[in-house]
Amino acid sequence: MTFETNNAKKLYLNDKYLRMVKRVNTNGDSKLGVDRPTKKTLEKTLEALYATNENNFDEVKKFFDNYMHPPGYEIRPADFTDWSDSPKYIESINSNRLKKFSYFLNETWKSLYKKCDLNILSKGAVSSHLPMKYPFIVPGQNFKRIWHLIKKKSLLFQLFYLNIKEGDLLRHTIGTITGLFEVF
């Protein structure tokens, strides 16, 4: 699937769409509205958008149910090809408590390694996510709420940074780390 930013912005930067996102997301998180790829072609989605009465909550909800996938639909788990269930650097830890926590953290990396798969969308559908050549690490289990999780997962980030700084993670997952730098 080819991705065209100009087409996607016709929907995701549309004033009416943004007002409807605000109306349907009563928790105030408008990011959830723009992280939703379309279920149908952009043209059909825009037709339905213009036909929807934005002041009628039921119509707005029906629009999102019928024309938009859930937030993050195209964000999928990626194959963590150089991950190991028993990295050497964890084996060298003397404290059982710290070793157990390190194994837990090591296992967590698999669930945080994601890819943006635009090929799962229908022909003519659009997404607000830009295509990425390589997988990426998200800062928490729920990619849709990335900004809140940055604050809550700061310990995870610090440990990730320390692992890279000390060279342990970098030494054992060179392919993954290289891909992460290539994304940006």
Foldseek 3Di string as FASTA:
>chain_A
DDADPVLLCVQLVDPLQQLLLCVQPVVRQSLFSQQWWWQDASVVLVVLSVVFDSVDNVSSVVSCVHTTDGGPPQKAQDDLPLQDLDAPVLVPDDDPVVSVVVSVLSVVQRLQWIAGHPVVHDVNMHHSDDHFPFIEGQLDNDNSPRVVSVVVSVVSVVVVVVCVVVPRVCVRRVVNVVSHVRRD
